[in-house]
Amino acid sequence: MDESITPPQNIQELETAYNFADNILKFDATHPRNLQFYKNVYSQNPEYILLFKPAGEVGGVIFASDKDRGTLLIGELAVSETMRGRGIGSKLLSEMEEVALKHDKKEIFLAALETAEKFYIRNGYFPKLYVQLDGNNRLDEITSLSATPVSWKNTGDGFSKVVLDTVKIDKELQKNFEDKLGAHTQYLFFKALTL
């Protein structure tokens, strides 16, 4: 492990890391992975939270949690503006991939801000388009707009949701779902892990 990348040494350092990410990513009040969520993660797997601290000051953080038995979810990745462009985000991601392998994870999953999509592709992650409509039983409306293979779908919780195996970022397809259906869309990224 890069000696400047370590898990938080205590809860106070975890809080500092979370506040650092919040200042950059601007979490809203409904953010599902709040500080208490990561305190719980930290109590079980402290190495699921990594900090980049080259001179004792936080310059980057990555937060993860178990999505399921074989998948690690990366929730947040943030690097200070002054440290961007130096490979720190890639180092944090690589270190978290090593942590995932130590925990017998087979893949990593994450949702990315549009501004970070190219970063994840450069780091070997594959995009899939997530499409969500308000209302149950609207899966056919989503799948009728594209011949792209469906890797996952769900309805019944007030929403109809589909993940399409787009293989690449397709902004035209994404815009089509937003314009024609009023759908919420976002690219999700996956990476299979190998020893």
N, C-alpha and C. Protein backbone atom coordinates (compact mmCIF):
# COMPACT_ATOMS: atom_id res chain seq x y z
N MET A 1 0.85 -1.19 0.00
CA MET A 1 0.00 0.00 0.00
C MET A 1 0.88 1.24 0.00
N ASP A 2 0.50 2.24 -0.76
CA ASP A 2 1.18 3.53 -0.77
C ASP A 2 1.15 4.07 0.65
N GLU A 3 2.31 4.44 1.19
CA GLU A 3 2.38 4.85 2.59
C GLU A 3 1.62 6.13 2.90
N SER A 4 1.30 6.92 1.88
CA SER A 4 0.51 8.13 2.13
C SER A 4 -0.99 7.86 2.03
N ILE A 5 -1.37 6.60 1.73
CA ILE A 5 -2.78 6.21 1.68
C ILE A 5 -3.03 5.21 2.80
N THR A 6 -3.90 5.59 3.73
CA THR A 6 -4.18 4.75 4.89
C THR A 6 -5.65 4.87 5.29
N PRO A 7 -6.16 3.89 6.02
CA PRO A 7 -7.49 4.05 6.63
C PRO A 7 -7.43 5.12 7.72
N PRO A 8 -8.56 5.69 8.10
CA PRO A 8 -8.57 6.64 9.22
C PRO A 8 -8.05 5.94 10.48
N GLN A 9 -7.32 6.67 11.29
CA GLN A 9 -6.77 6.10 12.52
C GLN A 9 -7.78 6.07 13.66
N ASN A 10 -8.85 6.89 13.53
CA ASN A 10 -9.86 6.96 14.59
C ASN A 10 -11.12 7.63 14.01
N ILE A 11 -12.15 7.70 14.83
CA ILE A 11 -13.43 8.29 14.39
C ILE A 11 -13.27 9.76 14.02
N GLN A 12 -12.44 10.49 14.75
CA GLN A 12 -12.23 11.90 14.42
C GLN A 12 -11.63 12.05 13.02
N GLU A 13 -10.68 11.20 12.66
CA GLU A 13 -10.10 11.26 11.33
C GLU A 13 -11.11 10.83 10.26
N LEU A 14 -11.98 9.88 10.61
CA LEU A 14 -13.08 9.50 9.71
C LEU A 14 -14.00 10.70 9.47
N GLU A 15 -14.35 11.40 10.52
CA GLU A 15 -15.21 12.59 10.39
C GLU A 15 -14.53 13.66 9.52
N THR A 16 -13.24 13.85 9.69
CA THR A 16 -12.49 14.80 8.88
C THR A 16 -12.55 14.39 7.41
N ALA A 17 -12.36 13.10 7.14
CA ALA A 17 -12.40 12.58 5.77
C ALA A 17 -13.79 12.78 5.16
N TYR A 18 -14.82 12.49 5.93
CA TYR A 18 -16.19 12.64 5.43
C TYR A 18 -16.49 14.11 5.13
N ASN A 19 -16.11 14.98 6.03
CA ASN A 19 -16.33 16.42 5.80
C ASN A 19 -15.54 16.92 4.60
N PHE A 20 -14.35 16.38 4.40
CA PHE A 20 -13.55 16.72 3.22
C PHE A 20 -14.33 16.36 1.95
N ALA A 21 -14.86 15.12 1.90
CA ALA A 21 -15.64 14.68 0.74
C ALA A 21 -16.89 15.52 0.56
N ASP A 22 -17.57 15.82 1.66
CA ASP A 22 -18.79 16.62 1.61
C ASP A 22 -18.50 18.02 1.05
N ASN A 23 -17.40 18.62 1.45
CA ASN A 23 -17.05 19.95 0.95
C ASN A 23 -16.82 19.96 -0.56
N ILE A 24 -16.32 18.85 -1.10
CA ILE A 24 -16.06 18.77 -2.54
C ILE A 24 -17.30 18.32 -3.31
N LEU A 25 -17.96 17.29 -2.80
CA LEU A 25 -19.08 16.68 -3.53
C LEU A 25 -20.43 17.31 -3.21
N LYS A 26 -20.51 18.08 -2.15
CA LYS A 26 -21.73 18.82 -1.77
C LYS A 26 -22.93 17.89 -1.58
N PHE A 27 -22.83 16.99 -0.59
CA PHE A 27 -23.93 16.07 -0.29
C PHE A 27 -25.17 16.86 0.11
N ASP A 28 -26.34 16.37 -0.29
CA ASP A 28 -27.56 17.00 0.19
C ASP A 28 -28.08 16.21 1.39
N ALA A 29 -29.12 16.72 2.01
CA ALA A 29 -29.64 16.12 3.24
C ALA A 29 -30.15 14.69 3.05
N THR A 30 -30.48 14.32 1.83
CA THR A 30 -31.01 12.97 1.58
C THR A 30 -29.92 11.99 1.12
N HIS A 31 -28.66 12.41 1.16
CA HIS A 31 -27.57 11.54 0.72
C HIS A 31 -27.63 10.22 1.50
N PRO A 32 -27.73 9.08 0.81
CA PRO A 32 -27.96 7.81 1.51
C PRO A 32 -26.77 7.30 2.32
N ARG A 33 -25.57 7.70 1.97
CA ARG A 33 -24.39 7.24 2.70
C ARG A 33 -23.84 8.41 3.51
N ASN A 34 -24.49 8.66 4.63
CA ASN A 34 -24.11 9.79 5.48
C ASN A 34 -22.99 9.38 6.44
N LEU A 35 -22.61 10.30 7.31
CA LEU A 35 -21.51 10.04 8.24
C LEU A 35 -21.81 8.83 9.12
N GLN A 36 -23.02 8.70 9.61
CA GLN A 36 -23.34 7.56 10.46
C GLN A 36 -23.21 6.25 9.69
N PHE A 37 -23.61 6.23 8.42
CA PHE A 37 -23.44 5.05 7.58
C PHE A 37 -21.97 4.64 7.55
N TYR A 38 -21.07 5.61 7.31
CA TYR A 38 -19.65 5.28 7.22
C TYR A 38 -19.02 4.98 8.58
N LYS A 39 -19.59 5.51 9.65
CA LYS A 39 -19.11 5.08 10.98
C LYS A 39 -19.40 3.59 11.17
N ASN A 40 -20.56 3.16 10.71
CA ASN A 40 -20.89 1.72 10.79
C ASN A 40 -19.96 0.89 9.92
N VAL A 41 -19.69 1.37 8.71
CA VAL A 41 -18.75 0.67 7.82
C VAL A 41 -17.38 0.59 8.50
N TYR A 42 -16.93 1.70 9.04
CA TYR A 42 -15.61 1.78 9.68
C TYR A 42 -15.51 0.79 10.84
N SER A 43 -16.57 0.63 11.59
CA SER A 43 -16.53 -0.29 12.74
C SER A 43 -16.36 -1.75 12.28
N GLN A 44 -16.81 -2.06 11.07
CA GLN A 44 -16.70 -3.42 10.53
C GLN A 44 -15.44 -3.61 9.68
N ASN A 45 -15.17 -2.64 8.82
CA ASN A 45 -14.07 -2.73 7.85
C ASN A 45 -13.40 -1.36 7.70
N PRO A 46 -12.49 -1.00 8.60
CA PRO A 46 -11.87 0.32 8.54
C PRO A 46 -11.16 0.60 7.21
N GLU A 47 -10.66 -0.45 6.56
CA GLU A 47 -9.93 -0.27 5.31
C GLU A 47 -10.84 0.03 4.13
N TYR A 48 -12.16 0.06 4.33
CA TYR A 48 -13.09 0.46 3.28
C TYR A 48 -13.14 1.99 3.14
N ILE A 49 -12.39 2.67 3.98
CA ILE A 49 -12.25 4.12 3.89
C ILE A 49 -10.75 4.41 3.84
N LEU A 50 -10.31 5.08 2.79
CA LEU A 50 -8.89 5.38 2.64
C LEU A 50 -8.70 6.88 2.44
N LEU A 51 -7.63 7.38 3.05
CA LEU A 51 -7.28 8.79 2.96
C LEU A 51 -5.91 8.93 2.32
N PHE A 52 -5.76 9.93 1.48
CA PHE A 52 -4.47 10.30 0.95
C PHE A 52 -4.01 11.50 1.77
N LYS A 53 -2.92 11.31 2.53
CA LYS A 53 -2.42 12.36 3.43
C LYS A 53 -0.90 12.47 3.25
N PRO A 54 -0.45 13.12 2.20
CA PRO A 54 0.99 13.16 1.94
C PRO A 54 1.80 13.93 2.98
N ALA A 55 1.25 14.97 3.54
CA ALA A 55 1.98 15.77 4.52
C ALA A 55 1.14 15.97 5.77
N GLY A 56 0.33 14.96 6.10
CA GLY A 56 -0.52 15.05 7.29
C GLY A 56 -1.85 15.73 7.06
N GLU A 57 -2.06 16.30 5.86
CA GLU A 57 -3.32 16.96 5.55
C GLU A 57 -4.04 16.16 4.47
N VAL A 58 -5.36 15.97 4.62
CA VAL A 58 -6.13 15.18 3.67
C VAL A 58 -6.14 15.86 2.30
N GLY A 59 -5.76 15.08 1.28
CA GLY A 59 -5.77 15.57 -0.10
C GLY A 59 -6.71 14.78 -0.98
N GLY A 60 -7.16 13.62 -0.47
CA GLY A 60 -8.09 12.79 -1.22
C GLY A 60 -8.65 11.70 -0.33
N VAL A 61 -9.86 11.23 -0.66
CA VAL A 61 -10.51 10.17 0.11
C VAL A 61 -11.30 9.26 -0.82
N ILE A 62 -11.47 8.02 -0.38
CA ILE A 62 -12.36 7.09 -1.07
C ILE A 62 -13.11 6.31 0.00
N PHE A 63 -14.41 6.15 -0.20
CA PHE A 63 -15.29 5.45 0.73
C PHE A 63 -15.95 4.30 0.00
N ALA A 64 -15.99 3.12 0.62
CA ALA A 64 -16.63 1.96 0.01
C ALA A 64 -17.44 1.22 1.07
N SER A 65 -18.27 0.29 0.60
CA SER A 65 -19.05 -0.56 1.49
C SER A 65 -19.41 -1.83 0.73
N ASP A 66 -19.85 -2.83 1.46
CA ASP A 66 -20.30 -4.06 0.82
C ASP A 66 -21.62 -3.82 0.12
N LYS A 67 -21.67 -4.10 -1.19
CA LYS A 67 -22.95 -4.07 -1.90
C LYS A 67 -23.64 -5.41 -1.71
N ASP A 68 -22.88 -6.45 -1.89
CA ASP A 68 -23.32 -7.81 -1.62
C ASP A 68 -22.07 -8.63 -1.38
N ARG A 69 -22.23 -9.92 -1.27
CA ARG A 69 -21.11 -10.79 -0.89
C ARG A 69 -19.92 -10.69 -1.85
N GLY A 70 -20.18 -10.54 -3.13
CA GLY A 70 -19.11 -10.53 -4.11
C GLY A 70 -18.79 -9.17 -4.70
N THR A 71 -19.50 -8.13 -4.26
CA THR A 71 -19.35 -6.81 -4.89
C THR A 71 -19.07 -5.73 -3.85
N LEU A 72 -18.08 -4.91 -4.15
CA LEU A 72 -17.78 -3.74 -3.32
C LEU A 72 -18.37 -2.52 -4.02
N LEU A 73 -19.08 -1.70 -3.27
CA LEU A 73 -19.65 -0.45 -3.78
C LEU A 73 -18.74 0.69 -3.39
N ILE A 74 -18.25 1.44 -4.37
CA ILE A 74 -17.53 2.67 -4.07
C ILE A 74 -18.57 3.77 -4.01
N GLY A 75 -18.69 4.38 -2.85
CA GLY A 75 -19.70 5.40 -2.64
C GLY A 75 -19.22 6.79 -3.02
N GLU A 76 -18.04 7.15 -2.56
CA GLU A 76 -17.52 8.49 -2.80
C GLU A 76 -16.02 8.42 -3.06
N LEU A 77 -15.57 9.26 -3.96
CA LEU A 77 -14.15 9.46 -4.24
C LEU A 77 -13.98 10.96 -4.47
N ALA A 78 -13.11 11.59 -3.70
CA ALA A 78 -12.91 13.03 -3.82
C ALA A 78 -11.44 13.36 -3.65
N VAL A 79 -10.96 14.27 -4.49
CA VAL A 79 -9.59 14.76 -4.43
C VAL A 79 -9.65 16.29 -4.42
N SER A 80 -8.84 16.90 -3.58
CA SER A 80 -8.85 18.37 -3.51
C SER A 80 -8.46 18.96 -4.86
N GLU A 81 -9.02 20.11 -5.15
CA GLU A 81 -8.76 20.77 -6.43
C GLU A 81 -7.26 20.98 -6.68
N THR A 82 -6.53 21.32 -5.64
CA THR A 82 -5.10 21.59 -5.80
C THR A 82 -4.28 20.33 -6.06
N MET A 83 -4.85 19.16 -5.78
CA MET A 83 -4.13 17.89 -5.97
C MET A 83 -4.57 17.14 -7.23
N ARG A 84 -5.57 17.65 -7.93
CA ARG A 84 -6.07 16.94 -9.12
C ARG A 84 -5.04 16.96 -10.24
N GLY A 85 -5.13 15.92 -11.09
CA GLY A 85 -4.22 15.82 -12.22
C GLY A 85 -2.88 15.19 -11.88
N ARG A 86 -2.74 14.66 -10.67
CA ARG A 86 -1.48 14.05 -10.23
C ARG A 86 -1.60 12.53 -10.06
N GLY A 87 -2.75 11.96 -10.45
CA GLY A 87 -2.93 10.52 -10.33
C GLY A 87 -3.39 10.05 -8.96
N ILE A 88 -3.77 10.97 -8.09
CA ILE A 88 -4.18 10.60 -6.74
C ILE A 88 -5.49 9.81 -6.74
N GLY A 89 -6.46 10.25 -7.53
CA GLY A 89 -7.72 9.51 -7.63
C GLY A 89 -7.48 8.09 -8.12
N SER A 90 -6.62 7.94 -9.10
CA SER A 90 -6.30 6.60 -9.62
C SER A 90 -5.60 5.75 -8.57
N LYS A 91 -4.70 6.36 -7.78
CA LYS A 91 -4.03 5.62 -6.71
C LYS A 91 -5.03 5.17 -5.65
N LEU A 92 -5.94 6.06 -5.26
CA LEU A 92 -6.96 5.69 -4.27
C LEU A 92 -7.82 4.55 -4.80
N LEU A 93 -8.21 4.63 -6.06
CA LEU A 93 -9.03 3.59 -6.68
C LEU A 93 -8.27 2.27 -6.72
N SER A 94 -7.01 2.31 -7.11
CA SER A 94 -6.19 1.10 -7.17
C SER A 94 -6.02 0.47 -5.79
N GLU A 95 -5.80 1.29 -4.78
CA GLU A 95 -5.67 0.77 -3.41
C GLU A 95 -6.97 0.12 -2.95
N MET A 96 -8.11 0.74 -3.31
CA MET A 96 -9.39 0.16 -2.90
C MET A 96 -9.64 -1.15 -3.65
N GLU A 97 -9.19 -1.26 -4.88
CA GLU A 97 -9.31 -2.53 -5.61
C GLU A 97 -8.52 -3.62 -4.89
N GLU A 98 -7.35 -3.28 -4.36
CA GLU A 98 -6.55 -4.26 -3.59
C GLU A 98 -7.29 -4.67 -2.31
N VAL A 99 -7.90 -3.71 -1.65
CA VAL A 99 -8.70 -4.01 -0.45
C VAL A 99 -9.85 -4.96 -0.82
N ALA A 100 -10.52 -4.67 -1.94
CA ALA A 100 -11.64 -5.51 -2.38
C ALA A 100 -11.18 -6.94 -2.62
N LEU A 101 -10.03 -7.11 -3.25
CA LEU A 101 -9.50 -8.46 -3.49
C LEU A 101 -9.21 -9.19 -2.18
N LYS A 102 -8.68 -8.48 -1.19
CA LYS A 102 -8.41 -9.08 0.12
C LYS A 102 -9.69 -9.55 0.80
N HIS A 103 -10.81 -8.92 0.44
CA HIS A 103 -12.11 -9.29 1.01
C HIS A 103 -12.89 -10.22 0.07
N ASP A 104 -12.17 -10.84 -0.86
CA ASP A 104 -12.75 -11.82 -1.81
C ASP A 104 -13.86 -11.26 -2.67
N LYS A 105 -13.78 -9.99 -3.00
CA LYS A 105 -14.76 -9.39 -3.90
C LYS A 105 -14.41 -9.74 -5.33
N LYS A 106 -15.42 -9.92 -6.14
CA LYS A 106 -15.23 -10.28 -7.55
C LYS A 106 -15.39 -9.09 -8.48
N GLU A 107 -16.08 -8.04 -7.99
CA GLU A 107 -16.25 -6.85 -8.81
C GLU A 107 -16.45 -5.62 -7.94
N ILE A 108 -16.25 -4.48 -8.58
CA ILE A 108 -16.51 -3.18 -7.95
C ILE A 108 -17.59 -2.49 -8.78
N PHE A 109 -18.47 -1.82 -8.08
CA PHE A 109 -19.61 -1.12 -8.68
C PHE A 109 -19.63 0.29 -8.13
N LEU A 110 -20.01 1.26 -8.98
CA LEU A 110 -20.16 2.64 -8.51
C LEU A 110 -21.03 3.42 -9.47
N ALA A 111 -21.58 4.50 -8.97
CA ALA A 111 -22.30 5.48 -9.79
C ALA A 111 -21.41 6.71 -9.83
N ALA A 112 -21.31 7.34 -11.00
CA ALA A 112 -20.38 8.45 -11.14
C ALA A 112 -21.08 9.74 -11.56
N LEU A 113 -20.53 10.83 -11.08
CA LEU A 113 -20.94 12.13 -11.60
C LEU A 113 -20.51 12.19 -13.06
N GLU A 114 -21.23 12.94 -13.86
CA GLU A 114 -20.91 13.06 -15.28
C GLU A 114 -19.48 13.54 -15.49
N THR A 115 -19.01 14.40 -14.62
CA THR A 115 -17.65 14.94 -14.76
C THR A 115 -16.56 13.89 -14.50
N ALA A 116 -16.92 12.75 -13.91
CA ALA A 116 -15.93 11.71 -13.58
C ALA A 116 -16.01 10.49 -14.49
N GLU A 117 -16.92 10.48 -15.45
CA GLU A 117 -17.12 9.29 -16.29
C GLU A 117 -15.85 8.88 -17.03
N LYS A 118 -15.16 9.82 -17.64
CA LYS A 118 -13.94 9.49 -18.39
C LYS A 118 -12.85 8.97 -17.47
N PHE A 119 -12.79 9.48 -16.25
CA PHE A 119 -11.81 9.01 -15.26
C PHE A 119 -11.99 7.51 -15.01
N TYR A 120 -13.22 7.08 -14.81
CA TYR A 120 -13.45 5.66 -14.51
C TYR A 120 -13.16 4.78 -15.72
N ILE A 121 -13.48 5.25 -16.90
CA ILE A 121 -13.15 4.49 -18.11
C ILE A 121 -11.63 4.35 -18.24
N ARG A 122 -10.89 5.42 -18.00
CA ARG A 122 -9.42 5.35 -18.06
C ARG A 122 -8.87 4.36 -17.05
N ASN A 123 -9.60 4.13 -15.97
CA ASN A 123 -9.15 3.21 -14.93
C ASN A 123 -9.73 1.80 -15.09
N GLY A 124 -10.25 1.50 -16.28
CA GLY A 124 -10.67 0.13 -16.59
C GLY A 124 -12.08 -0.24 -16.20
N TYR A 125 -12.92 0.74 -15.91
CA TYR A 125 -14.31 0.47 -15.55
C TYR A 125 -15.20 0.55 -16.79
N PHE A 126 -16.25 -0.28 -16.80
CA PHE A 126 -17.16 -0.35 -17.94
C PHE A 126 -18.49 0.29 -17.58
N PRO A 127 -19.00 1.18 -18.45
CA PRO A 127 -20.26 1.87 -18.15
C PRO A 127 -21.50 1.06 -18.52
N LYS A 128 -22.54 1.27 -17.73
CA LYS A 128 -23.88 0.77 -18.03
C LYS A 128 -24.83 1.92 -17.70
N LEU A 129 -25.86 2.08 -18.52
CA LEU A 129 -26.79 3.19 -18.33
C LEU A 129 -27.95 2.79 -17.42
N TYR A 130 -28.12 3.53 -16.34
CA TYR A 130 -29.23 3.34 -15.41
C TYR A 130 -30.35 4.31 -15.83
N VAL A 131 -31.56 3.78 -15.98
CA VAL A 131 -32.72 4.58 -16.37
C VAL A 131 -33.82 4.34 -15.35
N GLN A 132 -34.41 5.42 -14.82
CA GLN A 132 -35.47 5.31 -13.81
C GLN A 132 -36.64 6.20 -14.18
N LEU A 133 -37.84 5.61 -14.14
CA LEU A 133 -39.09 6.36 -14.35
C LEU A 133 -39.92 6.31 -13.08
N ASP A 134 -40.64 7.38 -12.81
CA ASP A 134 -41.62 7.36 -11.73
C ASP A 134 -42.74 6.43 -12.12
N GLY A 135 -43.21 5.65 -11.16
CA GLY A 135 -44.35 4.77 -11.38
C GLY A 135 -43.95 3.32 -11.62
N ASN A 136 -44.78 2.43 -11.13
CA ASN A 136 -44.57 1.00 -11.32
C ASN A 136 -44.98 0.56 -12.71
N ASN A 137 -44.50 -0.60 -13.12
CA ASN A 137 -44.92 -1.27 -14.35
C ASN A 137 -44.72 -0.44 -15.61
N ARG A 138 -43.59 0.25 -15.69
CA ARG A 138 -43.27 1.05 -16.88
C ARG A 138 -42.00 0.54 -17.58
N LEU A 139 -41.63 -0.69 -17.27
CA LEU A 139 -40.41 -1.25 -17.84
C LEU A 139 -40.45 -1.31 -19.36
N ASP A 140 -41.62 -1.65 -19.91
CA ASP A 140 -41.75 -1.74 -21.37
C ASP A 140 -41.50 -0.39 -22.05
N GLU A 141 -41.90 0.70 -21.41
CA GLU A 141 -41.64 2.03 -21.97
C GLU A 141 -40.13 2.28 -22.11
N ILE A 142 -39.39 1.83 -21.10
CA ILE A 142 -37.95 2.03 -21.13
C ILE A 142 -37.32 1.15 -22.20
N THR A 143 -37.62 -0.14 -22.16
CA THR A 143 -36.96 -1.07 -23.08
C THR A 143 -37.38 -0.87 -24.53
N SER A 144 -38.54 -0.24 -24.78
CA SER A 144 -38.98 -0.02 -26.16
C SER A 144 -38.16 1.07 -26.87
N LEU A 145 -37.45 1.89 -26.11
CA LEU A 145 -36.68 2.99 -26.70
C LEU A 145 -35.28 2.58 -27.16
N SER A 146 -34.86 1.37 -26.83
CA SER A 146 -33.50 0.96 -27.19
C SER A 146 -33.42 -0.56 -27.32
N ALA A 147 -32.61 -0.99 -28.28
CA ALA A 147 -32.36 -2.43 -28.46
C ALA A 147 -31.17 -2.89 -27.61
N THR A 148 -30.62 -1.99 -26.80
CA THR A 148 -29.48 -2.32 -25.95
C THR A 148 -29.89 -3.40 -24.95
N PRO A 149 -29.05 -4.43 -24.77
CA PRO A 149 -29.38 -5.51 -23.82
C PRO A 149 -29.57 -4.97 -22.39
N VAL A 150 -30.53 -5.57 -21.69
CA VAL A 150 -30.85 -5.20 -20.31
C VAL A 150 -30.12 -6.16 -19.38
N SER A 151 -29.36 -5.60 -18.43
CA SER A 151 -28.67 -6.48 -17.46
C SER A 151 -29.42 -6.58 -16.14
N TRP A 152 -30.34 -5.65 -15.88
CA TRP A 152 -31.10 -5.67 -14.63
C TRP A 152 -32.33 -4.80 -14.81
N LYS A 153 -33.44 -5.22 -14.18
CA LYS A 153 -34.65 -4.38 -14.17
C LYS A 153 -35.44 -4.66 -12.92
N ASN A 154 -36.22 -3.65 -12.50
CA ASN A 154 -36.99 -3.77 -11.27
C ASN A 154 -38.13 -2.77 -11.31
N THR A 155 -39.26 -3.19 -10.76
CA THR A 155 -40.40 -2.30 -10.59
C THR A 155 -41.14 -2.71 -9.33
N GLY A 156 -41.98 -1.82 -8.81
CA GLY A 156 -42.78 -2.21 -7.65
C GLY A 156 -42.57 -1.35 -6.43
N ASP A 157 -41.60 -0.47 -6.43
CA ASP A 157 -41.36 0.40 -5.28
C ASP A 157 -41.69 1.85 -5.61
N GLY A 158 -42.60 2.02 -6.57
CA GLY A 158 -42.97 3.36 -7.01
C GLY A 158 -42.15 3.85 -8.19
N PHE A 159 -41.21 3.00 -8.63
CA PHE A 159 -40.34 3.35 -9.76
C PHE A 159 -40.20 2.15 -10.67
N SER A 160 -39.85 2.42 -11.91
CA SER A 160 -39.46 1.39 -12.86
C SER A 160 -38.01 1.69 -13.23
N LYS A 161 -37.12 0.70 -13.02
CA LYS A 161 -35.69 0.92 -13.17
C LYS A 161 -35.08 -0.16 -14.06
N VAL A 162 -34.16 0.28 -14.93
CA VAL A 162 -33.49 -0.62 -15.86
C VAL A 162 -32.02 -0.23 -15.93
N VAL A 163 -31.14 -1.24 -16.03
CA VAL A 163 -29.73 -1.01 -16.32
C VAL A 163 -29.44 -1.63 -17.68
N LEU A 164 -28.94 -0.80 -18.59
CA LEU A 164 -28.65 -1.22 -19.96
C LEU A 164 -27.15 -1.41 -20.15
N ASP A 165 -26.78 -2.51 -20.81
CA ASP A 165 -25.37 -2.81 -21.10
C ASP A 165 -24.92 -2.00 -22.31
N THR A 166 -24.62 -0.75 -22.11
CA THR A 166 -24.27 0.13 -23.22
C THR A 166 -22.84 -0.07 -23.72
N VAL A 167 -21.98 -0.64 -22.92
CA VAL A 167 -20.57 -0.91 -23.23
C VAL A 167 -19.74 0.37 -23.34
N LYS A 168 -20.34 1.47 -23.76
CA LYS A 168 -19.63 2.75 -23.85
C LYS A 168 -20.60 3.86 -23.43
N ILE A 169 -20.07 5.04 -23.21
CA ILE A 169 -20.91 6.19 -22.88
C ILE A 169 -21.63 6.60 -24.17
N ASP A 170 -22.95 6.65 -24.10
CA ASP A 170 -23.76 7.04 -25.26
C ASP A 170 -24.67 8.18 -24.81
N LYS A 171 -24.19 9.41 -24.96
CA LYS A 171 -24.94 10.59 -24.51
C LYS A 171 -26.24 10.78 -25.29
N GLU A 172 -26.23 10.39 -26.55
CA GLU A 172 -27.44 10.51 -27.37
C GLU A 172 -28.55 9.59 -26.83
N LEU A 173 -28.18 8.36 -26.50
CA LEU A 173 -29.15 7.43 -25.92
C LEU A 173 -29.65 7.96 -24.57
N GLN A 174 -28.73 8.43 -23.75
CA GLN A 174 -29.09 8.97 -22.44
C GLN A 174 -30.07 10.14 -22.59
N LYS A 175 -29.77 11.07 -23.49
CA LYS A 175 -30.64 12.22 -23.72
C LYS A 175 -32.00 11.79 -24.26
N ASN A 176 -32.02 10.76 -25.08
CA ASN A 176 -33.27 10.24 -25.62
C ASN A 176 -34.21 9.79 -24.50
N PHE A 177 -33.69 9.07 -23.52
CA PHE A 177 -34.51 8.64 -22.38
C PHE A 177 -34.99 9.84 -21.56
N GLU A 178 -34.13 10.81 -21.37
CA GLU A 178 -34.51 11.98 -20.59
C GLU A 178 -35.57 12.81 -21.31
N ASP A 179 -35.37 13.04 -22.61
CA ASP A 179 -36.29 13.89 -23.37
C ASP A 179 -37.63 13.21 -23.65
N LYS A 180 -37.60 11.96 -24.07
CA LYS A 180 -38.85 11.29 -24.47
C LYS A 180 -39.66 10.75 -23.30
N LEU A 181 -38.98 10.36 -22.21
CA LEU A 181 -39.70 9.77 -21.09
C LEU A 181 -39.63 10.60 -19.81
N GLY A 182 -38.81 11.61 -19.80
CA GLY A 182 -38.61 12.37 -18.56
C GLY A 182 -37.90 11.55 -17.51
N ALA A 183 -37.08 10.60 -17.96
CA ALA A 183 -36.41 9.67 -17.06
C ALA A 183 -35.21 10.30 -16.36
N HIS A 184 -34.93 9.79 -15.18
CA HIS A 184 -33.66 10.08 -14.52
C HIS A 184 -32.67 9.06 -15.08
N THR A 185 -31.50 9.52 -15.50
CA THR A 185 -30.48 8.61 -16.02
C THR A 185 -29.13 8.92 -15.37
N GLN A 186 -28.30 7.90 -15.30
CA GLN A 186 -26.95 8.06 -14.78
C GLN A 186 -26.13 6.86 -15.22
N TYR A 187 -24.86 7.09 -15.50
CA TYR A 187 -24.00 5.97 -15.83
C TYR A 187 -23.46 5.34 -14.56
N LEU A 188 -23.56 4.01 -14.50
CA LEU A 188 -22.97 3.19 -13.46
C LEU A 188 -21.72 2.56 -14.05
N PHE A 189 -20.75 2.25 -13.21
CA PHE A 189 -19.50 1.67 -13.69
C PHE A 189 -19.17 0.41 -12.92
N PHE A 190 -18.67 -0.57 -13.66
CA PHE A 190 -18.33 -1.88 -13.09
C PHE A 190 -16.92 -2.27 -13.50
N LYS A 191 -16.27 -3.02 -12.62
CA LYS A 191 -14.96 -3.58 -12.96
C LYS A 191 -14.85 -4.94 -12.32
N ALA A 192 -14.56 -5.96 -13.15
CA ALA A 192 -14.30 -7.30 -12.63
C ALA A 192 -12.89 -7.32 -12.06
N LEU A 193 -12.74 -7.96 -10.92
CA LEU A 193 -11.44 -8.02 -10.26
C LEU A 193 -10.82 -9.39 -10.47
N THR A 194 -9.53 -9.39 -10.72
CA THR A 194 -8.78 -10.65 -10.86
C THR A 194 -7.52 -10.56 -10.04
N LEU A 195 -7.07 -11.70 -9.59
CA LEU A 195 -5.83 -11.73 -8.78
C LEU A 195 -4.62 -11.46 -9.63
